[in-house]
């Protein structure tokens, strides 16, 4: 239970900060041994709970904005274009994720050296793109091809270490969208992505049985990822108003180097 609580906090934090939640969970399990003894059944219930918790955090925090996006998208096509752009941006990663799930699980998630390099390289890219992005468009200026580019960038997040929020925010900044709206678009985009991941996990064989047998773990995972997710969303939106992404670059580089040193000592 202690391991589950620790991993839940990590997931809730790393899901929204541009530091890669999947990389952190793998590193904590494989390098530090936290959660290494969690059985496959419990791991499935726990991962599903984390999806539900982070999804709930996004919906609660941005409820008014998301409701307006949904209503306008369904009733006023011209004013509600953002809804359809979010759907469009979800498609590339959705297709690649479903078609090549086995490859990502069996290869990329098993290569700690590759995860470490992804942490370092993407950390540098995030910082440099943000630093040299001069145009500051707002979310209302996003075009359909911007959404498609951001969605294509999100495909790289299927490789642990790149980070879903990191790739989408970086792509948005490269397109000249201001920091705050880049982060918000990334958060909005996580709704269909996380919901899709949760649904995909839910329809797997015996998932409901596994959940019913591990209700305490399932409930704990939802609560922890929900609370930590809410705190991280609030933190990032406030932080980027006055700061760049240097702190995240430094953190990613240090973590990546530590993992490489452990692997090749």
Protein backbone atom coordinates (compact mmCIF):
# COMPACT_ATOMS: atom_id res chain seq x y z
CA UNK A 1 0.00 0.00 0.00
CA UNK A 2 2.89 2.38 0.74
CA UNK A 3 4.37 1.71 -2.69
CA UNK A 4 0.99 2.32 -4.29
CA UNK A 5 0.60 5.65 -2.48
CA UNK A 6 4.10 6.76 -3.56
CA UNK A 7 3.50 5.77 -7.18
CA UNK A 8 0.10 7.46 -7.10
CA UNK A 9 1.65 10.74 -5.98
CA UNK A 10 4.35 10.46 -8.65
CA UNK A 11 1.79 9.77 -11.37
CA UNK A 12 -0.45 12.65 -10.32
CA UNK A 13 2.50 15.05 -10.37
CA UNK A 14 4.28 13.82 -13.50
CA UNK A 15 1.11 13.45 -15.59
CA UNK A 16 0.74 17.22 -15.91
CA UNK A 17 4.27 18.54 -15.49
CA UNK A 18 6.48 18.10 -18.62
CA UNK A 19 8.65 15.42 -17.01
CA UNK A 20 7.00 12.15 -18.24
CA UNK A 21 4.83 10.16 -15.84
CA UNK A 22 5.48 6.85 -17.62
CA UNK A 23 9.26 7.33 -17.35
CA UNK A 24 8.99 8.08 -13.64
CA UNK A 25 6.84 5.04 -12.90
CA UNK A 26 9.25 2.78 -14.81
CA UNK A 27 12.33 4.30 -13.13
CA UNK A 28 10.83 4.05 -9.65
CA UNK A 29 9.84 0.43 -10.26
CA UNK A 30 12.92 -0.80 -12.12
CA UNK A 31 15.70 1.30 -10.57
CA UNK A 32 14.43 2.04 -7.06
CA UNK A 33 12.31 -1.07 -6.65
CA UNK A 34 9.22 0.85 -5.51
CA UNK A 35 6.20 -1.13 -6.66
CA UNK A 36 8.35 -3.87 -8.19
CA UNK A 37 6.46 -6.57 -6.28
CA UNK A 38 2.98 -5.37 -7.23
CA UNK A 39 1.18 -8.23 -8.98
CA UNK A 40 -0.15 -7.88 -12.51
CA UNK A 41 -3.76 -7.88 -11.33
CA UNK A 42 -3.19 -5.11 -8.81
CA UNK A 43 -1.08 -3.16 -11.32
CA UNK A 44 -3.94 -3.18 -13.84
CA UNK A 45 -6.46 -1.92 -11.26
CA UNK A 46 -3.99 0.69 -10.06
CA UNK A 47 -3.12 2.00 -13.54
CA UNK A 48 -6.82 2.27 -14.38
CA UNK A 49 -7.43 4.13 -11.11
CA UNK A 50 -4.67 6.60 -11.97
CA UNK A 51 -6.32 7.28 -15.32
CA UNK A 52 -9.66 7.94 -13.66
CA UNK A 53 -8.06 10.14 -10.99
CA UNK A 54 -6.17 12.38 -13.41
CA UNK A 55 -9.20 12.57 -15.71
CA UNK A 56 -11.33 13.67 -12.78
CA UNK A 57 -8.74 16.31 -11.83
CA UNK A 58 -8.81 17.82 -15.33
CA UNK A 59 -12.61 17.83 -15.52
CA UNK A 60 -13.05 19.41 -12.09
CA UNK A 61 -10.37 22.06 -12.57
CA UNK A 62 -11.50 23.10 -16.06
CA UNK A 63 -15.19 22.22 -15.74
CA UNK A 64 -16.57 25.58 -16.95
CA UNK A 65 -14.14 25.84 -19.87
CA UNK A 66 -14.63 22.21 -20.94
CA UNK A 67 -18.41 22.53 -20.72
CA UNK A 68 -18.35 25.61 -22.94
CA UNK A 69 -16.03 23.89 -25.42
CA UNK A 70 -18.38 20.89 -25.58
CA UNK A 71 -21.62 22.87 -25.92
CA UNK A 72 -20.24 25.27 -28.53
CA UNK A 73 -18.65 22.42 -30.44
CA UNK A 74 -21.95 20.58 -30.72
CA UNK A 75 -24.23 23.58 -31.32
CA UNK A 76 -22.10 26.35 -32.84
CA UNK A 77 -19.50 24.91 -35.26
CA UNK A 78 -17.78 28.24 -36.00
CA UNK A 79 -17.48 29.30 -32.36
CA UNK A 80 -16.88 25.76 -31.16
CA UNK A 81 -14.02 24.85 -33.47
CA UNK A 82 -11.74 24.17 -30.48
CA UNK A 83 -13.79 21.07 -29.65
CA UNK A 84 -13.18 19.60 -33.10
CA UNK A 85 -9.52 20.61 -33.03
CA UNK A 86 -9.09 18.61 -29.80
CA UNK A 87 -10.70 15.60 -31.46
CA UNK A 88 -8.41 16.03 -34.48
CA UNK A 89 -5.30 16.31 -32.27
CA UNK A 90 -6.25 13.07 -30.49
CA UNK A 91 -6.38 10.94 -33.63
CA UNK A 92 -2.64 10.47 -34.47
CA UNK A 93 -1.57 9.15 -31.05
CA UNK A 94 -4.77 7.13 -30.78
CA UNK A 95 -4.14 5.32 -34.05
CA UNK A 96 -0.43 4.72 -33.41
CA UNK A 97 -1.07 3.66 -29.81
CA UNK A 98 -3.66 1.05 -30.75
CA UNK A 99 -1.77 -0.33 -33.74
CA UNK A 100 1.64 -0.55 -32.12
CA UNK A 101 0.78 -1.06 -28.43
CA UNK A 102 2.74 -4.33 -28.23
CA UNK A 103 5.89 -2.72 -29.66
CA UNK A 104 5.80 0.16 -27.22
CA UNK A 105 5.15 -2.18 -24.27
CA UNK A 106 7.64 -4.88 -25.22
CA UNK A 107 10.50 -2.69 -26.43
CA UNK A 108 10.43 1.02 -25.58
CA UNK A 109 9.15 0.54 -22.01
CA UNK A 110 11.92 -2.01 -21.37
CA UNK A 111 14.87 0.15 -22.49
CA UNK A 112 15.95 2.26 -19.53
CA UNK A 113 18.86 3.77 -21.45
CA UNK A 114 16.46 4.97 -24.14
CA UNK A 115 14.11 6.42 -21.52
CA UNK A 116 17.03 8.26 -19.92
CA UNK A 117 18.12 9.71 -23.27
CA UNK A 118 14.53 10.76 -24.03
CA UNK A 119 14.37 12.60 -20.70
CA UNK A 120 17.57 14.49 -21.45
CA UNK A 121 16.92 15.27 -25.13
CA UNK A 122 13.30 16.33 -24.67
CA UNK A 123 14.22 18.45 -21.66
CA UNK A 124 16.66 20.45 -23.80
CA UNK A 125 14.14 20.73 -26.66
CA UNK A 126 11.38 22.02 -24.36
CA UNK A 127 13.61 24.76 -23.00
CA UNK A 128 15.12 25.86 -26.34
CA UNK A 129 11.82 25.90 -28.24
CA UNK A 130 10.18 27.93 -25.49
CA UNK A 131 13.14 30.32 -25.27
CA UNK A 132 13.26 31.12 -28.98
CA UNK A 133 9.52 31.17 -29.64
CA UNK A 134 8.79 34.84 -30.37
CA UNK A 135 5.18 34.87 -31.56
CA UNK A 136 2.54 34.79 -28.85
CA UNK A 137 -0.77 33.62 -30.30
CA UNK A 138 -3.69 32.83 -28.04
CA UNK A 139 -5.86 29.72 -28.14
CA UNK A 140 -8.50 31.37 -30.30
CA UNK A 141 -5.93 31.74 -33.09
CA UNK A 142 -5.25 28.00 -33.31
CA UNK A 143 -6.00 26.57 -36.76
CA UNK A 144 -6.87 23.00 -37.71
CA UNK A 145 -3.34 22.32 -38.97
CA UNK A 146 -1.90 23.59 -35.66
CA UNK A 147 -4.04 21.02 -33.84
CA UNK A 148 -2.90 18.28 -36.23
CA UNK A 149 0.77 19.17 -35.72
CA UNK A 150 0.34 19.14 -31.94
CA UNK A 151 -1.44 15.80 -32.24
CA UNK A 152 1.40 14.35 -34.30
CA UNK A 153 3.91 15.58 -31.71
CA UNK A 154 1.91 13.74 -29.07
CA UNK A 155 2.77 10.45 -30.79
CA UNK A 156 6.33 10.76 -29.42
CA UNK A 157 4.87 10.69 -25.90
CA UNK A 158 4.08 7.00 -26.42
CA UNK A 159 7.81 6.51 -25.81
CA UNK A 160 8.46 6.90 -22.05
CA UNK A 161 10.64 9.91 -21.32
CA UNK A 162 9.25 12.28 -23.91
CA UNK A 163 6.15 13.29 -21.89
CA UNK A 164 2.66 13.92 -23.27
CA UNK A 165 2.44 17.41 -21.77
CA UNK A 166 6.04 18.10 -22.77
CA UNK A 167 5.59 17.20 -26.45
CA UNK A 168 2.26 19.00 -26.83
CA UNK A 169 3.39 22.17 -25.02
CA UNK A 170 6.62 22.23 -27.03
CA UNK A 171 4.75 21.85 -30.33
CA UNK A 172 2.36 24.63 -29.31
CA UNK A 173 5.23 26.94 -28.39
CA UNK A 174 6.97 26.12 -31.71
CA UNK A 175 3.78 27.27 -33.44
CA UNK A 176 3.92 30.57 -31.54
CA UNK A 177 1.16 29.92 -28.99
CA UNK A 178 1.79 31.61 -25.64
CA UNK A 179 2.88 29.54 -22.65
CA UNK A 180 -0.37 29.62 -20.68
CA UNK A 181 -2.57 28.70 -23.63
CA UNK A 182 -0.06 26.04 -24.71
CA UNK A 183 -0.41 24.44 -21.29
CA UNK A 184 -4.20 24.78 -21.29
CA UNK A 185 -4.52 23.22 -24.74
CA UNK A 186 -2.33 20.36 -23.51
CA UNK A 187 -4.57 19.90 -20.47
CA UNK A 188 -7.73 20.02 -22.58
CA UNK A 189 -6.20 17.52 -24.99
CA UNK A 190 -5.51 15.12 -22.13
CA UNK A 191 -9.26 14.63 -21.57
CA UNK A 192 -9.92 12.47 -24.66
CA UNK A 193 -6.47 10.88 -24.36
CA UNK A 194 -6.84 9.85 -20.71
CA UNK A 195 -10.50 8.91 -21.18
CA UNK A 196 -9.54 6.74 -24.15
CA UNK A 197 -6.74 5.07 -22.18
CA UNK A 198 -9.11 4.40 -19.27
CA UNK A 199 -11.78 2.97 -21.57
CA UNK A 200 -9.21 0.84 -23.40
CA UNK A 201 -8.07 -0.61 -20.05
CA UNK A 202 -11.64 -1.08 -18.86
CA UNK A 203 -12.68 -3.27 -21.79
CA UNK A 204 -9.80 -5.71 -21.31
CA UNK A 205 -10.63 -9.20 -20.10
CA UNK A 206 -11.56 -9.55 -16.41
CA UNK A 207 -10.91 -5.86 -15.69
CA UNK A 208 -14.17 -5.38 -13.76
CA UNK A 209 -13.47 -8.52 -11.73
CA UNK A 210 -9.97 -7.30 -10.92
CA UNK A 211 -11.35 -3.92 -9.81
CA UNK A 212 -14.01 -5.53 -7.60
CA UNK A 213 -11.32 -7.62 -5.92
CA UNK A 214 -9.09 -4.59 -5.32
CA UNK A 215 -11.55 -1.82 -4.44
CA UNK A 216 -9.32 -0.30 -1.73
CA UNK A 217 -6.37 -0.04 -4.11
CA UNK A 218 -8.60 1.28 -6.90
CA UNK A 219 -10.14 3.93 -4.64
CA UNK A 220 -6.77 4.91 -3.18
CA UNK A 221 -5.27 5.35 -6.66
CA UNK A 222 -8.15 7.56 -7.78
CA UNK A 223 -7.98 9.76 -4.68
CA UNK A 224 -4.20 10.22 -4.71
CA UNK A 225 -3.88 10.95 -8.43
CA UNK A 226 -6.90 13.28 -8.26
CA UNK A 227 -5.50 15.41 -5.41
CA UNK A 228 -1.92 15.52 -6.70
CA UNK A 229 -3.20 16.18 -10.22
CA UNK A 230 -5.25 19.17 -9.11
CA UNK A 231 -2.27 20.63 -7.27
CA UNK A 232 0.04 20.19 -10.27
CA UNK A 233 -2.35 21.75 -12.76
CA UNK A 234 -2.66 24.80 -10.51
CA UNK A 235 1.10 24.96 -9.93
CA UNK A 236 2.09 24.76 -13.60
CA UNK A 237 -0.41 27.39 -14.77
CA UNK A 238 0.83 29.83 -12.11
CA UNK A 239 4.50 28.97 -12.60
CA UNK A 240 4.68 29.52 -16.35
CA UNK A 241 3.19 33.01 -16.07
CA UNK A 242 6.52 34.24 -14.71
CA UNK A 243 9.02 31.49 -15.48
CA UNK A 244 10.33 29.49 -18.43
CA UNK A 245 10.94 25.73 -18.61
CA UNK A 246 14.57 25.78 -17.47
CA UNK A 247 13.82 24.09 -14.13
CA UNK A 248 12.19 21.16 -15.93
CA UNK A 249 15.11 20.86 -18.35
CA UNK A 250 17.60 20.75 -15.47
CA UNK A 251 15.54 18.17 -13.59
CA UNK A 252 15.15 15.94 -16.65
CA UNK A 253 18.87 16.09 -17.45
CA UNK A 254 19.86 15.23 -13.88
CA UNK A 255 17.39 12.34 -13.69
CA UNK A 256 18.47 11.01 -17.08
CA UNK A 257 22.17 11.12 -16.10
CA UNK A 258 21.46 9.35 -12.79
CA UNK A 259 19.66 6.54 -14.60
CA UNK A 260 22.52 6.16 -17.12
CA UNK A 261 25.09 6.09 -14.31
CA UNK A 262 23.12 3.38 -12.49
CA UNK A 263 22.85 1.33 -15.68
CA UNK A 264 26.48 1.59 -16.74
CA UNK A 265 28.28 1.79 -13.41
